[in-house]
Amino acid sequence: MQKRLIQAKEQIATAHFAQMEQLRETLTKELLAEAERSRATQLEALTNDLNAKHEAQLERVKSDLVVMAKSSQSEQIERLVVSHKEEEARIRSDMEALASQAVEQKTMELSSLHLRELETLRRELQSSASTEMHRLSAAAEEQRVADVQKNHYRTERNTRGRVEETPSRYGRDKTKKR
């Protein structure tokens, strides 16, 4: 009886561990997919924004170039090119920082959500395992009580049967009439 209870506990623990691992793998895949989708969306938005800024900068550069071409100052053109490259490097750096920050924030949010969901699932699984253990313990106790009663009934019946068949010392039979 005790052995069956231990085996049931081990089976429940094994099933619980397998379910937790499967849930962890599923949630991890979902989190990674969501982070990748979010990152792609954010990068696309940042890229579009930077492209718009870049186009505006190019228009400004073209305008400045036209003015400089009219003034025929090559020195001004060189300064403008340097300025444009610096602005482009600054925008690229800003874009990378924003993208990195957005991905990190989304990863933290998804990790937090994942941990909360795992904790909820752990509590639910513990509760169901506890309920199952109580049910198995109750069934085992009922079986034990039934076995004890059955053995008691057999013992009582066997004892009664021996007494009824034993002849007395004085030559009379002690069998009871029923």
Foldseek 3Di string as FASTA:
>chain_A
DVVVLVVLLVVLVVVLVVVLVVLLVVLVVVLVVVLVVQLVVLLVVLVVVVVVVLVVLVVVLVVVVVVCVVVVDVVVNVVSVVVSVVVNVVSVVVSVVVSVVSSVVSSVVSVVVSVVVSVVSVVVSVVVSVVVSVVVVVVVVVVVVVVVVVVVVVVVVVVVVVQQQDQDPVRHHNHDDD
